[in-house]
C-alpha cells in the first residue's frame, strides 16, 4: 500500500507542476481561469498523501522515533525526506493557497505567490540528479 501511495504522490507532482505553471501564466497575463481551483485541490491532495506517508512510512515520524533528531540530521536522505521535503512542500502549498485566495480577490500579488510556490517546490522535489535522495521522474521506474 505504501509503495502505491509513493507512486501516486510522485505521479501527482506532474499535475501540480503543470497546473502551477499554467495558473501562474494566467495570473501574470491577468486572465480568468479555473486552473487555480484545480491547482489548490491537487496541491492539497498531494499534501494529504504526503502526510499519510510521513506518519506511516519509513521516513518521517518513524525515523525520528528510531534515530532521534540529532542522528537523523546527520543523514542526508533521512533529513531530506523527514524534514526538508515536507517542510518546503507545506510552505509551497501555503503559497498556492494564498495565491488562490488573492487571485479570487483580484490582488496582483497572486502571481508572485505562485512564482514563490513554484521555486520552493522545484527546490525540494527529489529529482533524479540529486545525490542520495533522487527518485525517478516516472513512478516505478529506476532513478538515473
N, C-alpha and C. Protein backbone atom coordinates (compact mmCIF):
# COMPACT_ATOMS: atom_id res chain seq x y z
N UNK A 1 0.82 -1.19 0.00
CA UNK A 1 0.00 0.00 0.00
C UNK A 1 0.87 1.27 0.00
N UNK A 2 1.91 1.25 0.84
CA UNK A 2 2.76 2.43 0.94
C UNK A 2 3.46 2.73 -0.39
N UNK A 3 3.88 1.67 -1.09
CA UNK A 3 4.54 1.89 -2.38
C UNK A 3 3.58 2.53 -3.38
N UNK A 4 2.33 2.10 -3.34
CA UNK A 4 1.31 2.70 -4.21
C UNK A 4 1.09 4.18 -3.90
N UNK A 5 1.10 4.52 -2.61
CA UNK A 5 0.96 5.93 -2.22
C UNK A 5 2.14 6.75 -2.72
N UNK A 6 3.34 6.17 -2.62
CA UNK A 6 4.54 6.88 -3.09
C UNK A 6 4.44 7.12 -4.59
N UNK A 7 4.00 6.09 -5.34
CA UNK A 7 3.86 6.25 -6.80
C UNK A 7 2.79 7.29 -7.15
N UNK A 8 1.66 7.25 -6.45
CA UNK A 8 0.60 8.22 -6.70
C UNK A 8 1.06 9.63 -6.37
N UNK A 9 1.74 9.78 -5.25
CA UNK A 9 2.28 11.07 -4.83
C UNK A 9 3.28 11.59 -5.88
N UNK A 10 4.11 10.69 -6.37
CA UNK A 10 5.11 11.06 -7.38
C UNK A 10 4.46 11.42 -8.71
N UNK A 11 3.43 10.72 -9.08
CA UNK A 11 2.73 11.00 -10.33
C UNK A 11 1.98 12.33 -10.26
N UNK A 12 1.37 12.59 -9.13
CA UNK A 12 0.61 13.83 -8.97
C UNK A 12 1.49 15.08 -9.01
N UNK A 13 2.80 14.89 -8.77
CA UNK A 13 3.67 16.07 -8.82
C UNK A 13 3.60 16.73 -10.19
N UNK A 14 3.48 15.90 -11.24
CA UNK A 14 3.44 16.46 -12.59
C UNK A 14 2.17 17.26 -12.81
N UNK A 15 1.06 16.78 -12.27
CA UNK A 15 -0.20 17.50 -12.39
C UNK A 15 -0.10 18.84 -11.66
N UNK A 16 0.45 18.81 -10.44
CA UNK A 16 0.59 20.04 -9.66
C UNK A 16 1.52 21.01 -10.38
N UNK A 17 2.66 20.53 -10.88
CA UNK A 17 3.60 21.42 -11.56
C UNK A 17 2.99 22.04 -12.82
N UNK A 18 2.30 21.23 -13.61
CA UNK A 18 1.66 21.74 -14.83
C UNK A 18 0.60 22.78 -14.49
N UNK A 19 -0.26 22.45 -13.51
CA UNK A 19 -1.30 23.39 -13.11
C UNK A 19 -0.71 24.66 -12.51
N UNK A 20 0.38 24.52 -11.76
CA UNK A 20 1.02 25.69 -11.14
C UNK A 20 1.58 26.62 -12.20
N UNK A 21 2.27 26.07 -13.18
CA UNK A 21 2.82 26.90 -14.26
C UNK A 21 1.69 27.55 -15.05
N UNK A 22 0.67 26.78 -15.39
CA UNK A 22 -0.47 27.29 -16.14
C UNK A 22 -1.18 28.41 -15.37
N UNK A 23 -1.43 28.19 -14.09
CA UNK A 23 -2.10 29.20 -13.26
C UNK A 23 -1.24 30.46 -13.13
N UNK A 24 0.05 30.26 -12.97
CA UNK A 24 0.96 31.39 -12.85
C UNK A 24 0.96 32.23 -14.14
N UNK A 25 0.99 31.56 -15.28
CA UNK A 25 0.95 32.26 -16.56
C UNK A 25 -0.36 33.05 -16.68
N UNK A 26 -1.48 32.40 -16.31
CA UNK A 26 -2.77 33.09 -16.35
C UNK A 26 -2.78 34.30 -15.41
N UNK A 27 -2.18 34.15 -14.22
CA UNK A 27 -2.15 35.25 -13.26
C UNK A 27 -1.31 36.42 -13.79
N UNK A 28 -0.17 36.12 -14.40
CA UNK A 28 0.67 37.18 -14.96
C UNK A 28 -0.01 37.86 -16.14
N UNK A 29 -0.79 37.08 -16.93
CA UNK A 29 -1.50 37.63 -18.08
C UNK A 29 -2.84 38.25 -17.68
N UNK A 30 -3.18 38.17 -16.40
CA UNK A 30 -4.44 38.70 -15.87
C UNK A 30 -5.65 38.09 -16.56
N UNK A 31 -5.57 36.77 -16.82
CA UNK A 31 -6.69 36.03 -17.42
C UNK A 31 -7.44 35.27 -16.34
N UNK A 32 -8.73 35.21 -16.47
CA UNK A 32 -9.56 34.41 -15.57
C UNK A 32 -9.47 32.95 -16.01
N UNK A 33 -9.30 32.06 -15.05
CA UNK A 33 -9.33 30.64 -15.38
C UNK A 33 -9.68 29.84 -14.14
N UNK A 34 -10.10 28.62 -14.36
CA UNK A 34 -10.44 27.74 -13.25
C UNK A 34 -9.26 26.88 -12.83
N UNK A 35 -8.12 27.07 -13.45
CA UNK A 35 -6.96 26.24 -13.11
C UNK A 35 -6.51 26.47 -11.68
N UNK A 36 -6.71 27.65 -11.14
CA UNK A 36 -6.31 27.94 -9.75
C UNK A 36 -7.06 27.03 -8.78
N UNK A 37 -8.32 26.79 -9.05
CA UNK A 37 -9.12 25.91 -8.19
C UNK A 37 -8.60 24.48 -8.28
N UNK A 38 -8.34 24.00 -9.50
CA UNK A 38 -7.82 22.65 -9.68
C UNK A 38 -6.42 22.51 -9.08
N UNK A 39 -5.64 23.56 -9.18
CA UNK A 39 -4.31 23.57 -8.57
C UNK A 39 -4.40 23.42 -7.06
N UNK A 40 -5.27 24.19 -6.43
CA UNK A 40 -5.42 24.13 -4.98
C UNK A 40 -5.89 22.74 -4.55
N UNK A 41 -6.85 22.18 -5.25
CA UNK A 41 -7.35 20.84 -4.93
C UNK A 41 -6.23 19.82 -5.09
N UNK A 42 -5.50 19.88 -6.19
CA UNK A 42 -4.40 18.94 -6.44
C UNK A 42 -3.30 19.07 -5.40
N UNK A 43 -2.94 20.30 -5.06
CA UNK A 43 -1.88 20.52 -4.08
C UNK A 43 -2.29 20.00 -2.70
N UNK A 44 -3.53 20.22 -2.32
CA UNK A 44 -3.98 19.72 -1.02
C UNK A 44 -4.10 18.20 -1.00
N UNK A 45 -4.44 17.61 -2.14
CA UNK A 45 -4.45 16.15 -2.25
C UNK A 45 -3.03 15.61 -2.09
N UNK A 46 -2.09 16.28 -2.73
CA UNK A 46 -0.67 15.89 -2.58
C UNK A 46 -0.24 16.00 -1.13
N UNK A 47 -0.63 17.07 -0.47
CA UNK A 47 -0.28 17.26 0.93
C UNK A 47 -0.83 16.12 1.78
N UNK A 48 -2.09 15.76 1.56
CA UNK A 48 -2.70 14.67 2.31
C UNK A 48 -1.95 13.36 2.09
N UNK A 49 -1.63 13.04 0.84
CA UNK A 49 -0.87 11.82 0.54
C UNK A 49 0.51 11.86 1.19
N UNK A 50 1.15 13.01 1.14
CA UNK A 50 2.46 13.15 1.75
C UNK A 50 2.42 12.99 3.26
N UNK A 51 1.41 13.58 3.90
CA UNK A 51 1.28 13.45 5.36
C UNK A 51 1.01 12.01 5.78
N UNK A 52 0.20 11.30 5.00
CA UNK A 52 -0.04 9.89 5.29
C UNK A 52 1.28 9.13 5.23
N UNK A 53 2.07 9.38 4.19
CA UNK A 53 3.37 8.72 4.08
C UNK A 53 4.30 9.10 5.23
N UNK A 54 4.25 10.36 5.65
CA UNK A 54 5.12 10.84 6.72
C UNK A 54 4.79 10.13 8.03
N UNK A 55 3.50 9.90 8.28
CA UNK A 55 3.09 9.28 9.54
C UNK A 55 3.21 7.76 9.54
N UNK A 56 3.05 7.09 8.39
CA UNK A 56 3.10 5.62 8.40
C UNK A 56 4.32 5.03 7.70
N UNK A 57 5.07 5.84 6.96
CA UNK A 57 6.20 5.33 6.19
C UNK A 57 7.49 5.29 6.99
N UNK A 58 8.55 4.82 6.32
CA UNK A 58 9.86 4.70 6.98
C UNK A 58 10.53 6.05 7.21
N UNK A 59 10.19 7.03 6.38
CA UNK A 59 10.70 8.38 6.58
C UNK A 59 9.62 9.16 7.33
N UNK A 60 10.00 10.01 8.18
CA UNK A 60 9.02 10.79 8.92
C UNK A 60 9.06 10.45 10.39
N UNK A 61 7.88 10.28 10.94
CA UNK A 61 7.75 10.06 12.38
C UNK A 61 8.51 8.83 12.85
N UNK A 62 8.44 7.75 12.08
CA UNK A 62 9.15 6.52 12.44
C UNK A 62 10.66 6.75 12.51
N UNK A 63 11.20 7.47 11.55
CA UNK A 63 12.64 7.75 11.53
C UNK A 63 13.05 8.62 12.73
N UNK A 64 12.22 9.58 13.07
CA UNK A 64 12.51 10.44 14.22
C UNK A 64 12.52 9.62 15.51
N UNK A 65 11.53 8.74 15.64
CA UNK A 65 11.45 7.91 16.84
C UNK A 65 12.64 6.95 16.94
N UNK A 66 13.04 6.35 15.81
CA UNK A 66 14.13 5.36 15.83
C UNK A 66 15.50 5.99 15.98
N UNK A 67 15.74 7.08 15.27
CA UNK A 67 17.08 7.67 15.24
C UNK A 67 17.25 8.82 16.22
N UNK A 68 16.20 9.53 16.50
CA UNK A 68 16.31 10.77 17.25
C UNK A 68 16.69 11.88 16.28
N UNK A 69 16.34 13.10 16.63
CA UNK A 69 16.58 14.23 15.72
C UNK A 69 18.07 14.48 15.48
N UNK A 70 18.89 14.35 16.50
CA UNK A 70 20.32 14.61 16.35
C UNK A 70 20.95 13.71 15.32
N UNK A 71 20.68 12.42 15.40
CA UNK A 71 21.25 11.45 14.46
C UNK A 71 20.63 11.60 13.08
N UNK A 72 19.33 11.84 13.04
CA UNK A 72 18.62 12.00 11.77
C UNK A 72 19.20 13.16 10.95
N UNK A 73 19.53 14.24 11.61
CA UNK A 73 20.03 15.42 10.91
C UNK A 73 21.41 15.18 10.29
N UNK A 74 22.11 14.15 10.70
CA UNK A 74 23.42 13.82 10.13
C UNK A 74 23.30 12.98 8.86
N UNK A 75 22.15 12.39 8.61
CA UNK A 75 21.93 11.50 7.47
C UNK A 75 21.20 12.25 6.36
N UNK A 76 21.86 12.44 5.24
CA UNK A 76 21.33 13.26 4.14
C UNK A 76 19.95 12.83 3.67
N UNK A 77 19.78 11.56 3.31
CA UNK A 77 18.50 11.10 2.76
C UNK A 77 17.39 11.16 3.82
N UNK A 78 17.70 10.73 5.02
CA UNK A 78 16.70 10.76 6.09
C UNK A 78 16.26 12.19 6.37
N UNK A 79 17.24 13.10 6.47
CA UNK A 79 16.92 14.51 6.74
C UNK A 79 16.07 15.10 5.61
N UNK A 80 16.44 14.78 4.38
CA UNK A 80 15.70 15.31 3.23
C UNK A 80 14.24 14.90 3.29
N UNK A 81 13.98 13.58 3.40
CA UNK A 81 12.61 13.09 3.34
C UNK A 81 11.81 13.31 4.62
N UNK A 82 12.50 13.45 5.75
CA UNK A 82 11.79 13.63 7.01
C UNK A 82 11.55 15.09 7.34
N UNK A 83 12.49 15.97 6.98
CA UNK A 83 12.39 17.37 7.38
C UNK A 83 12.27 18.31 6.17
N UNK A 84 13.28 18.31 5.31
CA UNK A 84 13.38 19.32 4.24
C UNK A 84 12.22 19.25 3.25
N UNK A 85 11.98 18.06 2.68
CA UNK A 85 10.94 17.91 1.67
C UNK A 85 9.56 18.27 2.22
N UNK A 86 9.14 17.68 3.35
CA UNK A 86 7.80 18.03 3.85
C UNK A 86 7.65 19.51 4.22
N UNK A 87 8.64 20.06 4.89
CA UNK A 87 8.56 21.46 5.32
C UNK A 87 8.44 22.40 4.12
N UNK A 88 9.29 22.22 3.14
CA UNK A 88 9.26 23.11 1.97
C UNK A 88 8.00 22.92 1.14
N UNK A 89 7.51 21.69 1.04
CA UNK A 89 6.27 21.46 0.29
C UNK A 89 5.07 22.09 1.00
N UNK A 90 5.06 22.03 2.32
CA UNK A 90 3.97 22.69 3.06
C UNK A 90 4.03 24.20 2.82
N UNK A 91 5.23 24.77 2.83
CA UNK A 91 5.38 26.21 2.55
C UNK A 91 4.89 26.52 1.13
N UNK A 92 5.26 25.67 0.17
CA UNK A 92 4.81 25.86 -1.21
C UNK A 92 3.29 25.79 -1.33
N UNK A 93 2.67 24.86 -0.61
CA UNK A 93 1.22 24.72 -0.67
C UNK A 93 0.54 25.91 0.03
N UNK A 94 1.16 26.43 1.07
CA UNK A 94 0.63 27.64 1.70
C UNK A 94 0.66 28.80 0.69
N UNK A 95 1.75 28.93 -0.05
CA UNK A 95 1.84 29.97 -1.09
C UNK A 95 0.76 29.78 -2.16
N UNK A 96 0.53 28.53 -2.56
CA UNK A 96 -0.51 28.24 -3.56
C UNK A 96 -1.88 28.63 -3.02
N UNK A 97 -2.14 28.29 -1.77
CA UNK A 97 -3.44 28.61 -1.16
C UNK A 97 -3.64 30.11 -1.04
N UNK A 98 -2.62 30.82 -0.60
CA UNK A 98 -2.70 32.28 -0.52
C UNK A 98 -2.87 32.87 -1.91
N UNK A 99 -2.11 32.37 -2.88
CA UNK A 99 -2.23 32.84 -4.25
C UNK A 99 -3.64 32.66 -4.80
N UNK A 100 -4.25 31.51 -4.52
CA UNK A 100 -5.62 31.26 -4.97
C UNK A 100 -6.61 32.23 -4.34
N UNK A 101 -6.42 32.49 -3.06
CA UNK A 101 -7.29 33.43 -2.36
C UNK A 101 -7.12 34.84 -2.92
N UNK A 102 -5.89 35.24 -3.11
CA UNK A 102 -5.61 36.57 -3.66
C UNK A 102 -6.12 36.71 -5.09
N UNK A 103 -6.00 35.63 -5.86
CA UNK A 103 -6.48 35.67 -7.24
C UNK A 103 -8.00 35.90 -7.27
N UNK A 104 -8.71 35.22 -6.38
CA UNK A 104 -10.16 35.41 -6.27
C UNK A 104 -10.50 36.85 -5.92
N UNK A 105 -9.68 37.46 -5.06
CA UNK A 105 -9.93 38.82 -4.61
C UNK A 105 -9.43 39.87 -5.62
N UNK A 106 -8.74 39.40 -6.65
CA UNK A 106 -8.23 40.31 -7.67
C UNK A 106 -6.94 41.02 -7.28
N UNK A 107 -6.25 40.52 -6.27
CA UNK A 107 -4.99 41.14 -5.85
C UNK A 107 -3.88 40.76 -6.81
N UNK A 108 -3.03 41.73 -7.13
CA UNK A 108 -1.98 41.50 -8.10
C UNK A 108 -0.84 40.64 -7.54
N UNK A 109 -0.76 40.50 -6.24
CA UNK A 109 0.32 39.71 -5.62
C UNK A 109 0.18 38.22 -5.81
N UNK A 110 -0.97 37.77 -6.33
CA UNK A 110 -1.20 36.33 -6.53
C UNK A 110 -0.14 35.71 -7.42
N UNK A 111 0.22 36.42 -8.47
CA UNK A 111 1.22 35.87 -9.41
C UNK A 111 2.56 35.64 -8.72
N UNK A 112 2.90 36.52 -7.77
CA UNK A 112 4.18 36.36 -7.06
C UNK A 112 4.11 35.22 -6.06
N UNK A 113 2.94 34.98 -5.50
CA UNK A 113 2.77 33.83 -4.61
C UNK A 113 2.95 32.53 -5.39
N UNK A 114 2.38 32.50 -6.59
CA UNK A 114 2.54 31.31 -7.44
C UNK A 114 4.00 31.11 -7.86
N UNK A 115 4.68 32.19 -8.17
CA UNK A 115 6.09 32.08 -8.53
C UNK A 115 6.91 31.59 -7.34
N UNK A 116 6.65 32.12 -6.16
CA UNK A 116 7.35 31.67 -4.95
C UNK A 116 7.07 30.19 -4.69
N UNK A 117 5.82 29.79 -4.86
CA UNK A 117 5.45 28.38 -4.67
C UNK A 117 6.21 27.49 -5.65
N UNK A 118 6.28 27.91 -6.91
CA UNK A 118 6.99 27.12 -7.91
C UNK A 118 8.46 26.97 -7.55
N UNK A 119 9.10 28.04 -7.14
CA UNK A 119 10.52 27.98 -6.79
C UNK A 119 10.77 27.10 -5.56
N UNK A 120 9.93 27.23 -4.56
CA UNK A 120 10.07 26.42 -3.34
C UNK A 120 9.86 24.95 -3.67
N UNK A 121 8.82 24.65 -4.42
CA UNK A 121 8.51 23.26 -4.75
C UNK A 121 9.61 22.64 -5.62
N UNK A 122 10.06 23.36 -6.64
CA UNK A 122 11.11 22.83 -7.50
C UNK A 122 12.41 22.57 -6.74
N UNK A 123 12.66 23.36 -5.70
CA UNK A 123 13.90 23.20 -4.95
C UNK A 123 13.94 21.93 -4.12
N UNK A 124 12.80 21.37 -3.77
CA UNK A 124 12.79 20.22 -2.87
C UNK A 124 12.07 18.99 -3.42
N UNK A 125 11.86 18.94 -4.72
CA UNK A 125 11.40 17.70 -5.35
C UNK A 125 12.63 16.80 -5.44
N UNK A 126 12.48 15.51 -5.12
CA UNK A 126 13.64 14.61 -5.21
C UNK A 126 13.96 14.24 -6.67
N UNK A 127 14.60 15.15 -7.38
CA UNK A 127 14.95 14.95 -8.79
C UNK A 127 16.00 13.84 -8.91
N UNK A 128 16.02 13.14 -10.04
CA UNK A 128 16.99 12.04 -10.21
C UNK A 128 18.45 12.47 -10.08
N UNK A 129 18.77 13.71 -10.40
CA UNK A 129 20.16 14.17 -10.34
C UNK A 129 20.61 14.52 -8.92
N UNK A 130 19.68 14.52 -7.96
CA UNK A 130 20.04 14.86 -6.59
C UNK A 130 20.70 13.65 -5.91
N UNK A 131 21.94 13.83 -5.51
CA UNK A 131 22.70 12.76 -4.89
C UNK A 131 22.05 12.32 -3.59
N UNK A 132 21.95 11.03 -3.38
CA UNK A 132 21.43 10.37 -2.18
C UNK A 132 19.92 10.42 -2.03
N UNK A 133 19.23 11.31 -2.67
CA UNK A 133 17.79 11.42 -2.46
C UNK A 133 16.98 11.33 -3.75
N UNK A 134 17.63 11.32 -4.88
CA UNK A 134 16.93 11.37 -6.16
C UNK A 134 16.03 10.18 -6.41
N UNK A 135 14.91 10.45 -7.03
CA UNK A 135 13.96 9.42 -7.44
C UNK A 135 13.69 9.58 -8.92
N UNK A 136 13.12 8.56 -9.50
CA UNK A 136 12.81 8.56 -10.92
C UNK A 136 11.78 9.63 -11.27
N UNK A 137 11.86 10.11 -12.50
CA UNK A 137 10.87 11.09 -12.98
C UNK A 137 9.51 10.43 -13.18
N UNK A 138 9.53 9.13 -13.45
CA UNK A 138 8.30 8.38 -13.69
C UNK A 138 8.15 7.37 -12.55
N UNK A 139 7.02 7.38 -11.85
CA UNK A 139 6.83 6.46 -10.73
C UNK A 139 7.01 4.99 -11.14
N UNK A 140 7.77 4.26 -10.35
CA UNK A 140 8.00 2.84 -10.61
C UNK A 140 9.23 2.55 -11.45
N UNK A 141 9.75 3.57 -12.16
CA UNK A 141 10.97 3.38 -12.95
C UNK A 141 12.18 3.63 -12.04
N UNK A 142 13.31 3.08 -12.43
CA UNK A 142 14.51 3.29 -11.60
C UNK A 142 15.08 4.68 -11.83
N UNK A 143 15.68 5.23 -10.78
CA UNK A 143 16.28 6.57 -10.87
C UNK A 143 17.52 6.53 -11.74
N UNK A 144 17.85 7.68 -12.33
CA UNK A 144 19.04 7.79 -13.20
C UNK A 144 20.30 7.60 -12.40
